[in-house]
């Protein structure tokens, strides 16, 4: 066999892929459930609602299975500083992070929490960041790549000099977001970026174009 390469299971690419594959085998659950469980790790959030410019993504999820709108990580408190070994199971950071995301969605009128689901995987803390990087690389989720800022927290008093997250421009409702400085992009420009993403999504997944991807009577 020409150009045969020695397989290394500990190569970071193989390690990252194994985290992604393990996450995708977990049970998909309603994000609204909000149950607490021990562990830190990685997660993916899925959307199947009727927000107009998200319809191609929603239709793809209804027909072809789950394609995340957002992926992320939750690092154990000790692991963030590198001061704890095997800290993942001593933390509730993964379920807490998902609860925070649910609260963000509930706070905005343009989205419905019942339209969201999630997968979560408790991961040994040294592989969490690698797993998130490979999830982003594989799916290029909308809220990671284009409509950024979903995972942001309230920056706190005296720290509102930064720009308002694009997520809050498209989905106003979080109480702290209006205190931030306005972004330079117009709503028209932001919607155009979303449309370009949806066209690229159709190409990556082999689905039909934006209108053709809509379910009947959408």
N, C-alpha and C. Protein backbone atom coordinates (compact mmCIF):
# COMPACT_ATOMS: atom_id res chain seq x y z
N UNK A 1 0.85 -1.19 0.00
CA UNK A 1 0.00 0.00 0.00
C UNK A 1 0.89 1.24 0.00
N UNK A 2 0.66 2.13 -0.95
CA UNK A 2 1.47 3.33 -1.06
C UNK A 2 1.09 4.35 0.01
N UNK A 3 2.09 5.11 0.45
CA UNK A 3 1.88 6.19 1.42
C UNK A 3 1.22 5.70 2.70
N UNK A 4 1.49 4.45 3.06
CA UNK A 4 0.92 3.92 4.29
C UNK A 4 1.54 4.62 5.49
N UNK A 5 0.70 5.05 6.43
CA UNK A 5 1.17 5.73 7.61
C UNK A 5 0.86 4.89 8.84
N UNK A 6 1.73 4.99 9.80
CA UNK A 6 1.55 4.26 11.05
C UNK A 6 0.46 4.93 11.87
N UNK A 7 -0.56 4.19 12.24
CA UNK A 7 -1.65 4.75 13.04
C UNK A 7 -1.20 4.93 14.48
N UNK A 8 -1.40 6.14 14.96
CA UNK A 8 -1.05 6.45 16.35
C UNK A 8 -2.32 6.83 17.10
N UNK A 9 -2.84 5.96 17.96
CA UNK A 9 -4.09 6.27 18.66
C UNK A 9 -3.97 7.46 19.59
N UNK A 10 -2.73 7.82 19.94
CA UNK A 10 -2.52 8.95 20.85
C UNK A 10 -2.24 10.25 20.12
N UNK A 11 -2.27 10.23 18.78
CA UNK A 11 -2.16 11.47 18.02
C UNK A 11 -3.34 12.37 18.41
N UNK A 12 -3.08 13.66 18.55
CA UNK A 12 -4.13 14.54 19.06
C UNK A 12 -5.36 14.56 18.15
N UNK A 13 -5.16 14.33 16.84
CA UNK A 13 -6.30 14.30 15.95
C UNK A 13 -7.20 13.11 16.25
N UNK A 14 -6.59 11.96 16.52
CA UNK A 14 -7.37 10.78 16.84
C UNK A 14 -8.03 10.91 18.21
N UNK A 15 -7.34 11.53 19.15
CA UNK A 15 -7.92 11.74 20.47
C UNK A 15 -9.12 12.68 20.38
N UNK A 16 -8.95 13.77 19.61
CA UNK A 16 -10.05 14.72 19.44
C UNK A 16 -11.25 14.08 18.77
N UNK A 17 -11.01 13.31 17.73
CA UNK A 17 -12.10 12.64 17.03
C UNK A 17 -12.83 11.66 17.94
N UNK A 18 -12.10 11.00 18.82
CA UNK A 18 -12.73 10.03 19.72
C UNK A 18 -13.68 10.72 20.69
N UNK A 19 -13.34 11.94 21.13
CA UNK A 19 -14.23 12.69 22.01
C UNK A 19 -15.50 13.08 21.25
N UNK A 20 -15.34 13.56 20.01
CA UNK A 20 -16.48 13.93 19.19
C UNK A 20 -17.40 12.73 18.98
N UNK A 21 -16.83 11.61 18.59
CA UNK A 21 -17.63 10.41 18.33
C UNK A 21 -18.36 9.94 19.58
N UNK A 22 -17.69 10.03 20.73
CA UNK A 22 -18.34 9.61 21.97
C UNK A 22 -19.51 10.53 22.32
N UNK A 23 -19.34 11.83 22.11
CA UNK A 23 -20.44 12.77 22.38
C UNK A 23 -21.64 12.46 21.50
N UNK A 24 -21.40 12.16 20.23
CA UNK A 24 -22.50 11.95 19.29
C UNK A 24 -23.25 10.64 19.54
N UNK A 25 -22.71 9.77 20.39
CA UNK A 25 -23.42 8.55 20.74
C UNK A 25 -24.27 8.71 22.00
N UNK A 26 -24.15 9.86 22.67
CA UNK A 26 -24.93 10.07 23.89
C UNK A 26 -26.38 10.40 23.53
N UNK A 27 -27.24 10.25 24.49
CA UNK A 27 -28.67 10.52 24.29
C UNK A 27 -28.92 12.01 24.16
N UNK A 28 -29.70 12.38 23.17
CA UNK A 28 -30.10 13.77 23.00
C UNK A 28 -31.28 14.06 23.92
N UNK A 29 -31.18 15.15 24.70
CA UNK A 29 -32.19 15.47 25.70
C UNK A 29 -32.69 16.91 25.54
N UNK A 30 -33.89 17.20 26.01
CA UNK A 30 -34.37 18.59 25.96
C UNK A 30 -33.46 19.50 26.80
N UNK A 31 -33.10 20.63 26.25
CA UNK A 31 -32.29 21.58 27.01
C UNK A 31 -33.07 22.12 28.20
N UNK A 32 -34.38 22.15 28.07
CA UNK A 32 -35.22 22.68 29.14
C UNK A 32 -35.23 21.80 30.38
N UNK A 33 -34.80 20.55 30.24
CA UNK A 33 -34.86 19.63 31.38
C UNK A 33 -34.07 20.17 32.57
N UNK A 34 -32.89 20.69 32.31
CA UNK A 34 -32.13 21.37 33.34
C UNK A 34 -31.67 20.52 34.51
N UNK A 35 -31.54 19.21 34.31
CA UNK A 35 -31.13 18.37 35.43
C UNK A 35 -29.66 18.60 35.78
N UNK A 36 -29.33 18.43 37.05
CA UNK A 36 -27.95 18.56 37.50
C UNK A 36 -27.29 17.19 37.53
N UNK A 37 -26.04 17.14 37.13
CA UNK A 37 -25.28 15.90 37.17
C UNK A 37 -23.81 16.24 37.34
N UNK A 38 -23.07 15.33 37.91
CA UNK A 38 -21.66 15.56 38.19
C UNK A 38 -20.85 15.44 36.91
N UNK A 39 -19.84 16.28 36.80
CA UNK A 39 -18.90 16.16 35.69
C UNK A 39 -18.67 17.44 34.94
N UNK A 40 -17.52 17.51 34.31
CA UNK A 40 -17.17 18.56 33.36
C UNK A 40 -16.99 17.89 32.01
N UNK A 41 -16.98 18.68 30.94
CA UNK A 41 -16.81 18.05 29.63
C UNK A 41 -17.24 18.93 28.48
N UNK A 42 -17.80 18.30 27.45
CA UNK A 42 -18.20 19.01 26.24
C UNK A 42 -19.68 18.76 25.97
N UNK A 43 -20.25 19.63 25.15
CA UNK A 43 -21.68 19.52 24.87
C UNK A 43 -21.99 20.10 23.50
N UNK A 44 -23.16 19.76 22.99
CA UNK A 44 -23.67 20.30 21.74
C UNK A 44 -25.13 20.65 21.94
N UNK A 45 -25.55 21.79 21.38
CA UNK A 45 -26.93 22.25 21.47
C UNK A 45 -27.54 22.28 20.07
N UNK A 46 -28.78 21.80 19.95
CA UNK A 46 -29.46 21.65 18.67
C UNK A 46 -30.74 22.47 18.64
N UNK A 47 -31.09 22.94 17.45
CA UNK A 47 -32.28 23.78 17.29
C UNK A 47 -33.22 23.20 16.25
N UNK A 48 -34.52 23.18 16.59
CA UNK A 48 -35.56 22.72 15.68
C UNK A 48 -36.78 23.62 15.77
N UNK A 49 -36.53 24.92 15.69
CA UNK A 49 -37.63 25.88 15.81
C UNK A 49 -37.92 26.60 14.52
N UNK A 50 -38.66 27.72 14.62
CA UNK A 50 -39.14 28.41 13.42
C UNK A 50 -38.62 29.84 13.32
N UNK A 51 -37.51 30.18 14.00
CA UNK A 51 -36.92 31.50 13.80
C UNK A 51 -36.56 31.61 12.33
N UNK A 52 -37.06 32.63 11.63
CA UNK A 52 -37.02 32.64 10.16
C UNK A 52 -35.68 32.33 9.52
N UNK A 53 -34.61 33.02 9.91
CA UNK A 53 -33.35 32.80 9.20
C UNK A 53 -32.64 31.53 9.64
N UNK A 54 -33.19 30.82 10.63
CA UNK A 54 -32.61 29.54 11.06
C UNK A 54 -33.34 28.35 10.45
N UNK A 55 -34.34 28.60 9.64
CA UNK A 55 -35.17 27.50 9.15
C UNK A 55 -34.40 26.42 8.38
N UNK A 56 -33.42 26.77 7.55
CA UNK A 56 -32.67 25.69 6.88
C UNK A 56 -31.97 24.75 7.87
N UNK A 57 -31.40 25.31 8.92
CA UNK A 57 -30.75 24.48 9.95
C UNK A 57 -31.78 23.63 10.68
N UNK A 58 -32.90 24.24 11.04
CA UNK A 58 -33.96 23.52 11.73
C UNK A 58 -34.50 22.38 10.87
N UNK A 59 -34.70 22.66 9.58
CA UNK A 59 -35.21 21.63 8.67
C UNK A 59 -34.21 20.49 8.52
N UNK A 60 -32.93 20.83 8.47
CA UNK A 60 -31.89 19.81 8.36
C UNK A 60 -31.92 18.90 9.58
N UNK A 61 -32.12 19.47 10.76
CA UNK A 61 -32.16 18.66 11.98
C UNK A 61 -33.39 17.76 12.02
N UNK A 62 -34.50 18.23 11.48
CA UNK A 62 -35.71 17.43 11.48
C UNK A 62 -35.63 16.26 10.52
N UNK A 63 -34.86 16.44 9.43
CA UNK A 63 -34.83 15.43 8.37
C UNK A 63 -33.62 14.52 8.48
N UNK A 64 -32.45 15.08 8.75
CA UNK A 64 -31.21 14.33 8.64
C UNK A 64 -30.52 14.05 9.98
N UNK A 65 -31.13 14.41 11.07
CA UNK A 65 -30.46 14.21 12.33
C UNK A 65 -29.85 15.50 12.82
N UNK A 66 -29.22 15.45 13.96
CA UNK A 66 -28.84 16.66 14.66
C UNK A 66 -27.55 17.29 14.12
N UNK A 67 -27.65 18.57 13.83
CA UNK A 67 -26.50 19.39 13.45
C UNK A 67 -26.49 20.58 14.41
N UNK A 68 -25.49 20.69 15.28
CA UNK A 68 -25.56 21.67 16.37
C UNK A 68 -25.54 23.12 15.91
N UNK A 69 -26.27 23.93 16.64
CA UNK A 69 -26.21 25.37 16.46
C UNK A 69 -25.12 25.97 17.33
N UNK A 70 -24.69 25.21 18.36
CA UNK A 70 -23.64 25.69 19.26
C UNK A 70 -22.99 24.49 19.95
N UNK A 71 -21.69 24.57 20.13
CA UNK A 71 -20.97 23.58 20.93
C UNK A 71 -20.10 24.32 21.92
N UNK A 72 -19.77 23.65 23.01
CA UNK A 72 -18.95 24.31 24.01
C UNK A 72 -18.35 23.33 24.98
N UNK A 73 -17.66 23.88 25.95
CA UNK A 73 -17.00 23.08 26.97
C UNK A 73 -17.29 23.66 28.35
N UNK A 74 -17.16 22.84 29.35
CA UNK A 74 -17.25 23.26 30.74
C UNK A 74 -16.07 22.63 31.47
N UNK A 75 -15.18 23.48 31.96
CA UNK A 75 -13.95 23.02 32.59
C UNK A 75 -14.12 23.04 34.10
N UNK A 76 -13.66 22.00 34.80
CA UNK A 76 -13.75 22.03 36.27
C UNK A 76 -12.92 23.17 36.83
N UNK A 77 -13.37 23.73 37.93
CA UNK A 77 -12.72 24.91 38.49
C UNK A 77 -11.24 24.69 38.74
N UNK A 78 -10.89 23.56 39.33
CA UNK A 78 -9.48 23.27 39.57
C UNK A 78 -8.71 23.01 38.30
N UNK A 79 -9.39 22.41 37.30
CA UNK A 79 -8.74 22.11 36.04
C UNK A 79 -8.36 23.36 35.27
N UNK A 80 -9.12 24.44 35.46
CA UNK A 80 -8.83 25.68 34.75
C UNK A 80 -7.44 26.20 35.12
N UNK A 81 -7.03 26.00 36.36
CA UNK A 81 -5.74 26.47 36.82
C UNK A 81 -4.67 25.39 36.78
N UNK A 82 -5.06 24.20 36.37
CA UNK A 82 -4.11 23.10 36.34
C UNK A 82 -3.70 22.63 37.71
N UNK A 83 -4.57 22.82 38.70
CA UNK A 83 -4.21 22.48 40.07
C UNK A 83 -4.85 21.19 40.56
N UNK A 84 -5.69 20.58 39.75
CA UNK A 84 -6.38 19.38 40.19
C UNK A 84 -6.23 18.28 39.14
N UNK A 85 -5.96 17.08 39.61
CA UNK A 85 -5.89 15.93 38.73
C UNK A 85 -7.21 15.17 38.82
N UNK A 86 -7.69 14.70 37.67
CA UNK A 86 -8.95 13.97 37.62
C UNK A 86 -10.07 14.77 38.29
N UNK A 87 -10.11 16.09 37.95
CA UNK A 87 -11.06 16.98 38.60
C UNK A 87 -12.45 16.92 37.99
N UNK A 88 -12.61 16.29 36.86
CA UNK A 88 -13.86 16.39 36.13
C UNK A 88 -15.06 15.92 36.94
N UNK A 89 -14.96 14.78 37.60
CA UNK A 89 -16.10 14.23 38.32
C UNK A 89 -16.36 14.93 39.65
N UNK A 90 -15.46 15.80 40.06
CA UNK A 90 -15.66 16.57 41.29
C UNK A 90 -16.36 17.90 41.02
N UNK A 91 -16.86 18.06 39.82
CA UNK A 91 -17.46 19.33 39.40
C UNK A 91 -18.87 19.09 38.86
N UNK A 92 -19.71 20.12 38.94
CA UNK A 92 -21.02 20.11 38.30
C UNK A 92 -21.05 21.14 37.17
N UNK A 93 -19.86 21.48 36.66
CA UNK A 93 -19.75 22.59 35.72
C UNK A 93 -20.47 22.33 34.40
N UNK A 94 -20.56 21.07 33.95
CA UNK A 94 -21.19 20.78 32.67
C UNK A 94 -22.70 21.03 32.74
N UNK A 95 -23.35 20.48 33.74
CA UNK A 95 -24.79 20.71 33.86
C UNK A 95 -25.09 22.18 34.18
N UNK A 96 -24.24 22.82 34.97
CA UNK A 96 -24.43 24.24 35.27
C UNK A 96 -24.35 25.08 34.01
N UNK A 97 -23.40 24.75 33.13
CA UNK A 97 -23.24 25.51 31.89
C UNK A 97 -24.48 25.37 31.01
N UNK A 98 -25.02 24.17 30.92
CA UNK A 98 -26.23 23.96 30.13
C UNK A 98 -27.42 24.70 30.74
N UNK A 99 -27.50 24.76 32.05
CA UNK A 99 -28.56 25.51 32.71
C UNK A 99 -28.44 27.00 32.41
N UNK A 100 -27.21 27.51 32.37
CA UNK A 100 -26.98 28.91 32.03
C UNK A 100 -27.44 29.21 30.60
N UNK A 101 -27.14 28.29 29.69
CA UNK A 101 -27.57 28.48 28.30
C UNK A 101 -29.09 28.46 28.19
N UNK A 102 -29.72 27.56 28.93
CA UNK A 102 -31.18 27.51 28.92
C UNK A 102 -31.76 28.83 29.42
N UNK A 103 -31.17 29.40 30.46
CA UNK A 103 -31.65 30.67 31.01
C UNK A 103 -31.50 31.79 29.98
N UNK A 104 -30.41 31.79 29.21
CA UNK A 104 -30.22 32.81 28.18
C UNK A 104 -31.33 32.72 27.14
N UNK A 105 -31.65 31.50 26.72
CA UNK A 105 -32.69 31.31 25.69
C UNK A 105 -34.06 31.71 26.22
N UNK A 106 -34.34 31.35 27.46
CA UNK A 106 -35.63 31.69 28.07
C UNK A 106 -35.81 33.20 28.17
N UNK A 107 -34.71 33.93 28.31
CA UNK A 107 -34.79 35.38 28.53
C UNK A 107 -35.08 36.17 27.26
N UNK A 108 -35.03 35.53 26.09
CA UNK A 108 -35.25 36.28 24.85
C UNK A 108 -36.57 35.83 24.20
N UNK A 109 -37.38 36.78 23.73
CA UNK A 109 -38.69 36.44 23.17
C UNK A 109 -38.64 35.79 21.79
N UNK A 110 -37.51 35.91 21.09
CA UNK A 110 -37.45 35.40 19.72
C UNK A 110 -37.18 33.90 19.64
N UNK A 111 -36.86 33.27 20.77
CA UNK A 111 -36.55 31.84 20.78
C UNK A 111 -37.41 31.13 21.82
N UNK A 112 -37.66 29.83 21.60
CA UNK A 112 -38.45 29.03 22.52
C UNK A 112 -37.59 27.88 23.04
N UNK A 113 -37.53 27.75 24.35
CA UNK A 113 -36.65 26.76 24.95
C UNK A 113 -37.03 25.34 24.52
N UNK A 114 -38.31 25.11 24.24
CA UNK A 114 -38.74 23.76 23.85
C UNK A 114 -38.21 23.36 22.47
N UNK A 115 -37.67 24.31 21.72
CA UNK A 115 -37.11 24.01 20.40
C UNK A 115 -35.64 23.58 20.46
N UNK A 116 -35.10 23.49 21.67
CA UNK A 116 -33.69 23.19 21.82
C UNK A 116 -33.49 21.86 22.54
N UNK A 117 -32.47 21.14 22.10
CA UNK A 117 -32.06 19.91 22.77
C UNK A 117 -30.54 19.93 22.90
N UNK A 118 -30.01 18.95 23.59
CA UNK A 118 -28.57 18.95 23.79
C UNK A 118 -28.04 17.53 23.98
N UNK A 119 -26.75 17.40 23.75
CA UNK A 119 -25.99 16.22 24.13
C UNK A 119 -24.85 16.69 25.03
N UNK A 120 -24.49 15.88 26.01
CA UNK A 120 -23.40 16.24 26.91
C UNK A 120 -22.56 15.01 27.21
N UNK A 121 -21.26 15.22 27.31
CA UNK A 121 -20.33 14.13 27.58
C UNK A 121 -19.35 14.55 28.66
N UNK A 122 -19.33 13.80 29.75
CA UNK A 122 -18.35 14.04 30.79
C UNK A 122 -17.02 13.47 30.32
N UNK A 123 -15.99 14.32 30.36
CA UNK A 123 -14.69 13.98 29.76
C UNK A 123 -13.58 14.18 30.78
N UNK A 124 -12.58 13.32 30.74
CA UNK A 124 -11.38 13.54 31.54
C UNK A 124 -10.87 14.95 31.25
N UNK A 125 -10.58 15.71 32.30
CA UNK A 125 -10.37 17.15 32.12
C UNK A 125 -9.25 17.52 31.17
N UNK A 126 -8.26 16.67 30.99
CA UNK A 126 -7.15 17.06 30.11
C UNK A 126 -7.53 17.01 28.63
N UNK A 127 -8.69 16.39 28.30
CA UNK A 127 -9.10 16.28 26.90
C UNK A 127 -10.26 17.19 26.55
N UNK A 128 -10.76 17.98 27.49
CA UNK A 128 -11.96 18.79 27.25
C UNK A 128 -11.73 19.84 26.17
N UNK A 129 -10.68 20.62 26.30
CA UNK A 129 -10.42 21.69 25.34
C UNK A 129 -10.17 21.13 23.94
N UNK A 130 -9.47 20.01 23.85
CA UNK A 130 -9.22 19.38 22.56
C UNK A 130 -10.53 18.92 21.94
N UNK A 131 -11.40 18.34 22.75
CA UNK A 131 -12.68 17.88 22.24
C UNK A 131 -13.52 19.02 21.70
N UNK A 132 -13.56 20.14 22.41
CA UNK A 132 -14.32 21.29 21.93
C UNK A 132 -13.77 21.80 20.60
N UNK A 133 -12.44 21.87 20.50
CA UNK A 133 -11.83 22.36 19.26
C UNK A 133 -12.22 21.50 18.07
N UNK A 134 -12.26 20.18 18.26
CA UNK A 134 -12.62 19.30 17.15
C UNK A 134 -14.12 19.38 16.84
N UNK A 135 -14.96 19.62 17.83
CA UNK A 135 -16.38 19.81 17.58
C UNK A 135 -16.61 21.06 16.73
N UNK A 136 -15.92 22.14 17.07
CA UNK A 136 -16.06 23.38 16.29
C UNK A 136 -15.55 23.17 14.88
N UNK A 137 -14.42 22.48 14.76
CA UNK A 137 -13.85 22.23 13.44
C UNK A 137 -14.77 21.37 12.59
N UNK A 138 -15.39 20.38 13.18
CA UNK A 138 -16.24 19.46 12.42
C UNK A 138 -17.55 20.12 11.98
N UNK A 139 -18.20 20.87 12.89
CA UNK A 139 -19.54 21.37 12.61
C UNK A 139 -19.59 22.86 12.25
N UNK A 140 -18.57 23.62 12.65
CA UNK A 140 -18.59 25.07 12.42
C UNK A 140 -19.96 25.65 12.79
N UNK A 141 -20.40 25.47 14.04
CA UNK A 141 -21.76 25.85 14.42
C UNK A 141 -22.02 27.35 14.27
N UNK A 142 -23.25 27.68 13.94
CA UNK A 142 -23.65 29.06 13.67
C UNK A 142 -23.32 29.99 14.83
N UNK A 143 -23.66 29.59 16.05
CA UNK A 143 -23.45 30.47 17.19
C UNK A 143 -22.01 30.49 17.67
N UNK A 144 -21.18 29.62 17.14
CA UNK A 144 -19.73 29.71 17.41
C UNK A 144 -19.02 30.54 16.36
N UNK A 145 -19.48 30.46 15.11
CA UNK A 145 -18.74 31.02 14.00
C UNK A 145 -19.27 32.36 13.48
N UNK A 146 -20.56 32.58 13.57
CA UNK A 146 -21.17 33.76 12.94
C UNK A 146 -21.89 34.64 13.97
N UNK A 147 -22.89 34.10 14.61
CA UNK A 147 -23.67 34.85 15.60
C UNK A 147 -23.02 34.60 16.97
N UNK A 148 -21.93 35.26 17.21
CA UNK A 148 -21.11 34.97 18.38
C UNK A 148 -21.62 35.66 19.63
N UNK A 149 -21.28 35.09 20.78
CA UNK A 149 -21.59 35.71 22.05
C UNK A 149 -22.64 35.02 22.88
N UNK A 150 -23.20 33.92 22.38
CA UNK A 150 -24.22 33.20 23.14
C UNK A 150 -23.70 32.77 24.51
N UNK A 151 -22.45 32.36 24.56
CA UNK A 151 -21.89 31.86 25.82
C UNK A 151 -21.37 32.94 26.74
N UNK A 152 -21.51 34.21 26.37
CA UNK A 152 -20.99 35.30 27.21
C UNK A 152 -21.79 35.45 28.50
N UNK A 153 -21.08 35.90 29.54
CA UNK A 153 -21.72 36.24 30.80
C UNK A 153 -21.84 37.76 30.92
N UNK A 154 -22.63 38.19 31.87
CA UNK A 154 -22.70 39.61 32.22
C UNK A 154 -21.30 40.05 32.64
N UNK A 155 -20.69 41.02 31.92
CA UNK A 155 -19.32 41.43 32.26
C UNK A 155 -19.23 42.14 33.60
N UNK A 156 -20.34 42.61 34.14
CA UNK A 156 -20.33 43.24 35.44
C UNK A 156 -20.14 44.75 35.39
N UNK A 157 -20.45 45.39 36.50
CA UNK A 157 -20.38 46.85 36.59
C UNK A 157 -18.99 47.35 36.23
N UNK A 158 -18.98 48.42 35.44
CA UNK A 158 -17.71 49.02 35.05
C UNK A 158 -17.02 48.33 33.89
N UNK A 159 -17.64 47.30 33.34
CA UNK A 159 -17.02 46.54 32.25
C UNK A 159 -17.89 46.50 30.99
N UNK A 160 -18.76 47.47 30.86
CA UNK A 160 -19.66 47.47 29.73
C UNK A 160 -19.12 48.29 28.55
N UNK A 161 -17.81 48.49 28.52
CA UNK A 161 -17.22 49.25 27.43
C UNK A 161 -17.05 48.40 26.18
N UNK A 162 -17.15 47.09 26.33
CA UNK A 162 -17.02 46.19 25.19
C UNK A 162 -18.27 46.21 24.31
N UNK A 163 -18.12 45.69 23.12
CA UNK A 163 -19.22 45.65 22.16
C UNK A 163 -20.27 44.60 22.58
N UNK A 164 -21.50 44.90 22.27
CA UNK A 164 -22.60 43.97 22.53
C UNK A 164 -22.42 42.73 21.65
N UNK A 165 -22.57 41.54 22.20
CA UNK A 165 -22.44 40.33 21.39
C UNK A 165 -23.43 40.31 20.22
N UNK A 166 -23.00 39.75 19.11
CA UNK A 166 -23.89 39.65 17.95
C UNK A 166 -25.12 38.82 18.28
N UNK A 167 -24.96 37.84 19.16
CA UNK A 167 -26.11 37.02 19.54
C UNK A 167 -27.20 37.88 20.15
N UNK A 168 -26.80 38.85 20.95
CA UNK A 168 -27.78 39.73 21.59
C UNK A 168 -28.35 40.77 20.63
N UNK A 169 -27.62 41.07 19.57
CA UNK A 169 -28.17 41.95 18.54
C UNK A 169 -29.32 41.24 17.82
N UNK A 170 -29.13 39.96 17.54
CA UNK A 170 -30.14 39.20 16.81
C UNK A 170 -31.25 38.71 17.73
N UNK A 171 -30.90 38.48 19.01
CA UNK A 171 -31.86 37.95 19.98
C UNK A 171 -31.86 38.81 21.25
N UNK A 172 -32.36 40.04 21.17
CA UNK A 172 -32.36 40.89 22.36
C UNK A 172 -33.24 40.32 23.46
N UNK A 173 -32.82 40.58 24.70
CA UNK A 173 -33.62 40.11 25.83
C UNK A 173 -32.81 39.89 27.09
N UNK A 174 -31.52 39.54 26.96
CA UNK A 174 -30.72 39.38 28.17
C UNK A 174 -30.56 40.75 28.84
N UNK A 175 -30.78 40.81 30.13
CA UNK A 175 -30.89 42.09 30.82
C UNK A 175 -29.63 42.93 30.77
N UNK A 176 -28.47 42.29 30.71
CA UNK A 176 -27.21 43.04 30.76
C UNK A 176 -26.75 43.54 29.40
N UNK A 177 -27.23 42.94 28.32
CA UNK A 177 -26.71 43.25 26.99
C UNK A 177 -26.90 44.72 26.57
N UNK A 178 -28.04 45.38 26.88
CA UNK A 178 -28.18 46.77 26.45
C UNK A 178 -27.15 47.72 27.07
N UNK A 179 -26.51 47.31 28.16
CA UNK A 179 -25.51 48.17 28.80
C UNK A 179 -24.19 48.16 28.03
N UNK A 180 -24.00 47.16 27.17
CA UNK A 180 -22.79 47.10 26.36
C UNK A 180 -22.88 48.08 25.19
N UNK A 181 -21.76 48.33 24.58
CA UNK A 181 -21.71 49.28 23.47
C UNK A 181 -22.28 48.63 22.20
N UNK A 182 -22.97 49.39 21.37
CA UNK A 182 -23.54 48.81 20.13
C UNK A 182 -22.45 48.34 19.17
N UNK A 183 -22.77 47.33 18.42
CA UNK A 183 -21.84 46.83 17.42
C UNK A 183 -21.91 47.71 16.17
N UNK A 184 -20.92 47.59 15.31
CA UNK A 184 -20.89 48.38 14.09
C UNK A 184 -21.68 47.74 12.95
N UNK A 185 -21.92 46.45 13.06
CA UNK A 185 -22.63 45.77 11.99
C UNK A 185 -24.13 46.09 12.07
N UNK A 186 -24.75 46.29 10.94
CA UNK A 186 -26.19 46.54 10.89
C UNK A 186 -26.94 45.21 10.96
N UNK A 187 -28.23 45.29 11.28
CA UNK A 187 -29.03 44.07 11.30
C UNK A 187 -29.07 43.45 9.91
N UNK A 188 -29.14 44.28 8.88
CA UNK A 188 -29.12 43.77 7.51
C UNK A 188 -27.83 43.00 7.24
N UNK A 189 -26.72 43.55 7.70
CA UNK A 189 -25.43 42.88 7.50
C UNK A 189 -25.35 41.58 8.27
N UNK A 190 -25.89 41.56 9.48
CA UNK A 190 -25.87 40.34 10.29
C UNK A 190 -26.73 39.25 9.66
N UNK A 191 -27.90 39.62 9.19
CA UNK A 191 -28.77 38.64 8.54
C UNK A 191 -28.14 38.10 7.26
N UNK A 192 -27.40 38.96 6.58
CA UNK A 192 -26.70 38.51 5.37
C UNK A 192 -25.63 37.47 5.73
N UNK A 193 -24.93 37.69 6.83
CA UNK A 193 -23.92 36.73 7.28
C UNK A 193 -24.57 35.38 7.63
N UNK A 194 -25.73 35.44 8.25
CA UNK A 194 -26.45 34.20 8.58
C UNK A 194 -26.88 33.48 7.31
N UNK A 195 -27.37 34.23 6.32
CA UNK A 195 -27.81 33.63 5.07
C UNK A 195 -26.64 32.96 4.34
N UNK A 196 -25.49 33.62 4.34
CA UNK A 196 -24.30 33.03 3.71
C UNK A 196 -23.92 31.74 4.43
N UNK A 197 -24.01 31.75 5.76
CA UNK A 197 -23.72 30.54 6.52
C UNK A 197 -24.68 29.41 6.11
N UNK A 198 -25.95 29.72 6.00
CA UNK A 198 -26.94 28.70 5.66
C UNK A 198 -26.68 28.13 4.26
N UNK A 199 -26.25 28.95 3.34
CA UNK A 199 -25.91 28.46 2.01
C UNK A 199 -24.71 27.52 2.09
N UNK A 200 -23.73 27.88 2.91
CA UNK A 200 -22.58 27.00 3.09
C UNK A 200 -22.94 25.71 3.79
N UNK A 201 -23.89 25.79 4.72
CA UNK A 201 -24.35 24.59 5.41
C UNK A 201 -24.97 23.61 4.44
N UNK A 202 -25.75 24.13 3.49
CA UNK A 202 -26.36 23.27 2.49
C UNK A 202 -25.29 22.55 1.67
N UNK A 203 -24.20 23.26 1.36
CA UNK A 203 -23.12 22.65 0.59
C UNK A 203 -22.39 21.59 1.41
N UNK A 204 -22.13 21.88 2.69
CA UNK A 204 -21.38 20.95 3.54
C UNK A 204 -22.15 19.67 3.81
N UNK A 205 -23.47 19.78 3.94
CA UNK A 205 -24.27 18.63 4.34
C UNK A 205 -24.96 17.95 3.17
N UNK A 206 -24.88 18.57 1.99
CA UNK A 206 -25.53 17.98 0.84
C UNK A 206 -27.03 18.16 0.84
N UNK A 207 -27.52 19.11 1.65
CA UNK A 207 -28.96 19.37 1.68
C UNK A 207 -29.32 20.35 0.58
N UNK A 208 -30.59 20.55 0.39
CA UNK A 208 -31.06 21.47 -0.64
C UNK A 208 -30.82 22.90 -0.20
N UNK A 209 -31.08 23.83 -1.09
CA UNK A 209 -30.91 25.25 -0.78
C UNK A 209 -31.86 25.71 0.29
N UNK A 210 -31.75 26.98 0.68
CA UNK A 210 -32.49 27.50 1.82
C UNK A 210 -33.98 27.22 1.73
N UNK A 211 -34.61 27.57 0.64
CA UNK A 211 -36.05 27.38 0.55
C UNK A 211 -36.40 25.92 0.40
N UNK A 212 -35.60 25.18 -0.39
CA UNK A 212 -35.91 23.77 -0.62
C UNK A 212 -35.74 22.95 0.65
N UNK A 213 -34.89 23.43 1.57
CA UNK A 213 -34.65 22.67 2.79
C UNK A 213 -35.77 22.82 3.80
N UNK A 214 -36.72 23.74 3.55
CA UNK A 214 -37.79 23.95 4.49
C UNK A 214 -38.78 22.77 4.45
N UNK A 215 -39.30 22.41 5.61
CA UNK A 215 -40.29 21.33 5.63
C UNK A 215 -41.59 21.81 5.00
N UNK A 216 -42.48 20.92 4.61
CA UNK A 216 -43.76 21.30 4.02
C UNK A 216 -44.53 22.22 4.95
N UNK A 217 -45.22 23.20 4.36
CA UNK A 217 -46.05 24.15 5.11
C UNK A 217 -45.28 25.01 6.09
N UNK A 218 -43.94 25.13 5.91
CA UNK A 218 -43.14 25.95 6.82
C UNK A 218 -43.36 27.42 6.55
